[in-house]
Amino acid sequence: MENTSAQQVEQSQREYFRVTDNIPEETWYWAALASIGLSALLRLMGRDTWSIFVGQWPPTFLLFGLYHKLIRPGR
């Protein structure tokens, strides 16, 4: 049973890197900055609920970039 779980994790990680290896590292940081700007714009437009929703994206983008940099430092 543990072997199947480990295989699923390994397969998920391979799939993640298959997709993200083609994305430049800076893209994650720019996406975080863009979502902060979009959140501020939505707030100014009075769309408070959407502003909060979009404002929660930057940590996710930064974590994707950090994870990719830590796991694949040579790329």
N, C-alpha and C. Protein backbone atom coordinates (compact mmCIF):
# COMPACT_ATOMS: atom_id res chain seq x y z
N MET A 1 0.81 -1.19 0.00
CA MET A 1 0.00 0.00 0.00
C MET A 1 0.86 1.26 0.00
N GLU A 2 1.94 1.26 0.80
CA GLU A 2 2.81 2.42 0.87
C GLU A 2 3.51 2.65 -0.46
N ASN A 3 3.85 1.58 -1.15
CA ASN A 3 4.52 1.69 -2.42
C ASN A 3 3.64 2.41 -3.44
N THR A 4 2.35 2.11 -3.45
CA THR A 4 1.43 2.77 -4.37
C THR A 4 1.35 4.25 -4.07
N SER A 5 1.29 4.61 -2.80
CA SER A 5 1.24 6.02 -2.40
C SER A 5 2.51 6.74 -2.83
N ALA A 6 3.65 6.12 -2.63
CA ALA A 6 4.92 6.72 -3.02
C ALA A 6 4.99 6.89 -4.53
N GLN A 7 4.47 5.92 -5.26
CA GLN A 7 4.45 6.02 -6.72
C GLN A 7 3.55 7.16 -7.18
N GLN A 8 2.42 7.36 -6.50
CA GLN A 8 1.52 8.45 -6.85
C GLN A 8 2.17 9.80 -6.59
N VAL A 9 2.88 9.91 -5.48
CA VAL A 9 3.58 11.16 -5.16
C VAL A 9 4.65 11.42 -6.21
N GLU A 10 5.41 10.40 -6.55
CA GLU A 10 6.46 10.55 -7.54
C GLU A 10 5.89 10.94 -8.90
N GLN A 11 4.79 10.33 -9.28
CA GLN A 11 4.14 10.65 -10.55
C GLN A 11 3.62 12.09 -10.54
N SER A 12 3.05 12.53 -9.43
CA SER A 12 2.56 13.91 -9.31
C SER A 12 3.69 14.90 -9.42
N GLN A 13 4.82 14.58 -8.77
CA GLN A 13 5.97 15.47 -8.82
C GLN A 13 6.54 15.53 -10.24
N ARG A 14 6.62 14.41 -10.93
CA ARG A 14 7.10 14.40 -12.31
C ARG A 14 6.21 15.26 -13.21
N GLU A 15 4.90 15.14 -13.01
CA GLU A 15 3.95 15.92 -13.81
C GLU A 15 4.09 17.41 -13.51
N TYR A 16 4.25 17.77 -12.24
CA TYR A 16 4.44 19.17 -11.85
C TYR A 16 5.67 19.74 -12.55
N PHE A 17 6.79 19.02 -12.50
CA PHE A 17 8.01 19.52 -13.11
C PHE A 17 7.94 19.50 -14.63
N ARG A 18 7.19 18.59 -15.21
CA ARG A 18 7.02 18.58 -16.66
C ARG A 18 6.40 19.89 -17.12
N VAL A 19 5.45 20.38 -16.35
CA VAL A 19 4.79 21.63 -16.69
C VAL A 19 5.65 22.84 -16.31
N THR A 20 6.17 22.85 -15.10
CA THR A 20 6.85 24.05 -14.59
C THR A 20 8.28 24.23 -15.09
N ASP A 21 8.91 23.20 -15.60
CA ASP A 21 10.27 23.36 -16.12
C ASP A 21 10.31 24.33 -17.30
N ASN A 22 9.20 24.50 -17.98
CA ASN A 22 9.13 25.39 -19.13
C ASN A 22 8.80 26.83 -18.75
N ILE A 23 8.54 27.07 -17.48
CA ILE A 23 8.18 28.41 -17.00
C ILE A 23 9.42 29.04 -16.36
N PRO A 24 9.84 30.21 -16.86
CA PRO A 24 11.00 30.87 -16.25
C PRO A 24 10.72 31.21 -14.78
N GLU A 25 11.76 31.15 -13.97
CA GLU A 25 11.63 31.36 -12.53
C GLU A 25 11.02 32.73 -12.20
N GLU A 26 11.40 33.75 -12.97
CA GLU A 26 10.91 35.10 -12.71
C GLU A 26 9.41 35.23 -12.90
N THR A 27 8.84 34.35 -13.70
CA THR A 27 7.40 34.41 -13.97
C THR A 27 6.59 34.30 -12.69
N TRP A 28 7.02 33.45 -11.76
CA TRP A 28 6.28 33.29 -10.50
C TRP A 28 6.27 34.59 -9.70
N TYR A 29 7.39 35.29 -9.70
CA TYR A 29 7.49 36.54 -8.95
C TYR A 29 6.69 37.65 -9.62
N TRP A 30 6.72 37.71 -10.94
CA TRP A 30 5.91 38.69 -11.65
C TRP A 30 4.42 38.41 -11.47
N ALA A 31 4.06 37.13 -11.44
CA ALA A 31 2.65 36.78 -11.21
C ALA A 31 2.20 37.24 -9.83
N ALA A 32 3.07 37.09 -8.84
CA ALA A 32 2.75 37.55 -7.48
C ALA A 32 2.56 39.06 -7.47
N LEU A 33 3.48 39.79 -8.10
CA LEU A 33 3.35 41.25 -8.15
C LEU A 33 2.11 41.68 -8.92
N ALA A 34 1.83 41.02 -10.01
CA ALA A 34 0.64 41.35 -10.80
C ALA A 34 -0.64 41.11 -9.99
N SER A 35 -0.68 40.04 -9.23
CA SER A 35 -1.89 39.76 -8.45
C SER A 35 -2.05 40.78 -7.31
N ILE A 36 -0.93 41.28 -6.77
CA ILE A 36 -1.03 42.34 -5.77
C ILE A 36 -1.61 43.60 -6.40
N GLY A 37 -1.11 43.95 -7.59
CA GLY A 37 -1.64 45.11 -8.30
C GLY A 37 -3.10 44.96 -8.66
N LEU A 38 -3.46 43.78 -9.13
CA LEU A 38 -4.85 43.52 -9.49
C LEU A 38 -5.75 43.60 -8.26
N SER A 39 -5.28 43.09 -7.16
CA SER A 39 -6.03 43.16 -5.92
C SER A 39 -6.26 44.61 -5.50
N ALA A 40 -5.22 45.44 -5.60
CA ALA A 40 -5.35 46.85 -5.26
C ALA A 40 -6.33 47.55 -6.20
N LEU A 41 -6.25 47.24 -7.48
CA LEU A 41 -7.17 47.83 -8.45
C LEU A 41 -8.62 47.43 -8.15
N LEU A 42 -8.82 46.17 -7.86
CA LEU A 42 -10.18 45.72 -7.53
C LEU A 42 -10.70 46.42 -6.27
N ARG A 43 -9.82 46.64 -5.32
CA ARG A 43 -10.20 47.34 -4.09
C ARG A 43 -10.63 48.77 -4.40
N LEU A 44 -9.86 49.44 -5.26
CA LEU A 44 -10.21 50.80 -5.65
C LEU A 44 -11.52 50.87 -6.42
N MET A 45 -11.84 49.80 -7.12
CA MET A 45 -13.09 49.74 -7.88
C MET A 45 -14.28 49.36 -7.00
N GLY A 46 -14.01 49.07 -5.73
CA GLY A 46 -15.09 48.72 -4.82
C GLY A 46 -15.48 47.25 -4.84
N ARG A 47 -14.69 46.43 -5.47
CA ARG A 47 -14.95 44.98 -5.54
C ARG A 47 -14.19 44.30 -4.41
N ASP A 48 -14.63 44.53 -3.19
CA ASP A 48 -13.88 44.09 -2.01
C ASP A 48 -13.74 42.57 -1.93
N THR A 49 -14.79 41.83 -2.22
CA THR A 49 -14.71 40.37 -2.13
C THR A 49 -13.70 39.82 -3.13
N TRP A 50 -13.74 40.31 -4.36
CA TRP A 50 -12.79 39.86 -5.37
C TRP A 50 -11.37 40.30 -5.03
N SER A 51 -11.27 41.49 -4.44
CA SER A 51 -9.96 42.00 -4.03
C SER A 51 -9.31 41.07 -3.01
N ILE A 52 -10.07 40.63 -2.05
CA ILE A 52 -9.55 39.72 -1.04
C ILE A 52 -9.17 38.38 -1.67
N PHE A 53 -10.03 37.89 -2.56
CA PHE A 53 -9.77 36.63 -3.23
C PHE A 53 -8.45 36.68 -4.01
N VAL A 54 -8.30 37.70 -4.84
CA VAL A 54 -7.08 37.83 -5.66
C VAL A 54 -5.88 38.15 -4.77
N GLY A 55 -6.10 38.85 -3.67
CA GLY A 55 -5.02 39.19 -2.75
C GLY A 55 -4.42 37.99 -2.05
N GLN A 56 -5.08 36.87 -2.11
CA GLN A 56 -4.55 35.65 -1.51
C GLN A 56 -3.69 34.83 -2.47
N TRP A 57 -3.58 35.26 -3.70
CA TRP A 57 -2.78 34.54 -4.69
C TRP A 57 -1.28 34.70 -4.54
N PRO A 58 -0.75 35.87 -4.18
CA PRO A 58 0.72 36.05 -4.17
C PRO A 58 1.49 35.00 -3.38
N PRO A 59 1.06 34.62 -2.18
CA PRO A 59 1.85 33.59 -1.48
C PRO A 59 1.92 32.27 -2.25
N THR A 60 0.85 31.95 -2.95
CA THR A 60 0.84 30.71 -3.73
C THR A 60 1.86 30.78 -4.86
N PHE A 61 1.86 31.89 -5.58
CA PHE A 61 2.84 32.05 -6.67
C PHE A 61 4.26 32.02 -6.13
N LEU A 62 4.49 32.70 -5.02
CA LEU A 62 5.83 32.72 -4.43
C LEU A 62 6.26 31.34 -3.96
N LEU A 63 5.33 30.58 -3.40
CA LEU A 63 5.66 29.22 -2.97
C LEU A 63 5.97 28.31 -4.15
N PHE A 64 5.23 28.46 -5.25
CA PHE A 64 5.54 27.68 -6.44
C PHE A 64 6.96 27.99 -6.91
N GLY A 65 7.31 29.26 -6.96
CA GLY A 65 8.66 29.66 -7.39
C GLY A 65 9.73 29.16 -6.45
N LEU A 66 9.48 29.29 -5.15
CA LEU A 66 10.45 28.83 -4.16
C LEU A 66 10.62 27.32 -4.19
N TYR A 67 9.51 26.59 -4.28
CA TYR A 67 9.57 25.14 -4.34
C TYR A 67 10.38 24.69 -5.55
N HIS A 68 10.10 25.30 -6.68
CA HIS A 68 10.79 24.92 -7.90
C HIS A 68 12.28 25.24 -7.79
N LYS A 69 12.61 26.38 -7.16
CA LYS A 69 14.02 26.76 -7.03
C LYS A 69 14.76 25.84 -6.06
N LEU A 70 14.10 25.43 -4.99
CA LEU A 70 14.74 24.56 -4.00
C LEU A 70 14.91 23.14 -4.51
N ILE A 71 13.93 22.64 -5.23
CA ILE A 71 13.97 21.26 -5.71
C ILE A 71 14.83 21.13 -6.97
N ARG A 72 14.79 22.13 -7.83
CA ARG A 72 15.54 22.10 -9.07
C ARG A 72 16.48 23.30 -9.15
N PRO A 73 17.48 23.40 -8.29
CA PRO A 73 18.33 24.61 -8.25
C PRO A 73 19.18 24.82 -9.50
N GLY A 74 19.51 23.77 -10.22
CA GLY A 74 20.38 23.92 -11.38
C GLY A 74 19.68 24.35 -12.64
N ARG A 75 18.38 24.49 -12.61
CA ARG A 75 17.65 24.82 -13.85
C ARG A 75 17.28 26.25 -13.91
